[in-house]
Structure formats: C-alpha cells, structure tokens
Amino acid sequence: MSIIEINEKDLCGLLELYTQLHNNPLPETDKDLQELWSEIIHDKNHHIIVAVDDSKIVSSCVLIIVPNLSHGQKPYAFIENVITDEFHRGQGLASDCLEYARQIAKKHGCYKIMLMTGSKKESTLNLYRRAGYNSEDKTAFVQWL
C-alpha cells in the first residue's frame, strides 16, 4: 500500500472510487471531462492524495491550498472528497491520506486546514478527530448553488 499524489493517468480509477461518494454516478469520459482533469492536475494548489493497493486507488482526499492576504500572508487549505473503498475501510487509509495532505499543507506554510463533512456517523467524526480536526473552533455554513 502506498500513499501518493495522483498521476495524470489515474483519472478512471479515481472516478470509479468516487462512485462510492454519495452515490456519485460515473461520468462520461468526454472532451469536457478531460479538459477539467487537465486543469485540476496542472493546478499547483490542487492536490489529490490517493492510497494505492495493487495499482488500484482505494482511498483518497483532495487538498486545496488557498493563497491569502491575512494571517501574515500565510495560505490556508481545504480538505474535500474524503473517501475509502467500502472493502478497504477500517484500515487507516483515510487517516494516512489526511496525514499526507497535512504534510503538503505544512510544506506550503499553511496556517490551518479546514474540513467539512455531511456525515453524522460517529465513526466518521471520530476519524476526523483522530486526524487532529476539531468541531469546536469554527461554525460552518453551506450555501448550495
């Protein structure tokens, strides 16, 4: 098992894993999707971390670094799309991906990482707590568009 940043050739494997994220449908691999993928993979502030088992992506999270004019001009980061394949859960893979993301954020001088979850499952909330996140410091609001 290895934890790495995704390679450009791994789009299909990531999209397959994403079908387990809120019943996300597998999109058609068309020109628009390829352009979006190229934009994401070449964005220096967009990091997709994956756990790979026998060349299959089995866990992932996304880290976005946001340049910032406050807090001494230190950037901050967001975590999104945390997912582990249903047959690989409970092995610490999401925790490993989150730790890899944390190291990237530290390397970029981020002063904080924010993570939101729609899950109310105690096991999911405990995963984030064990990874060092807390739900006490901030209040999150979402506006769906």
Foldseek 3Di string as FASTA:
>chain_A
DDKDWDDLVCPQLVLVQCCPVVNDDRDDPDPVVNVVSVVQVPDPQKTKIFDADPNHTFWIKIKGWDQDDPPVRFIAIEIDDTGGHPVPPPPCRSLVRLVVSVVVSVVSRHPYYDYDDPDPDPVVVVSVVVSPDDDPPDDDDDDDD
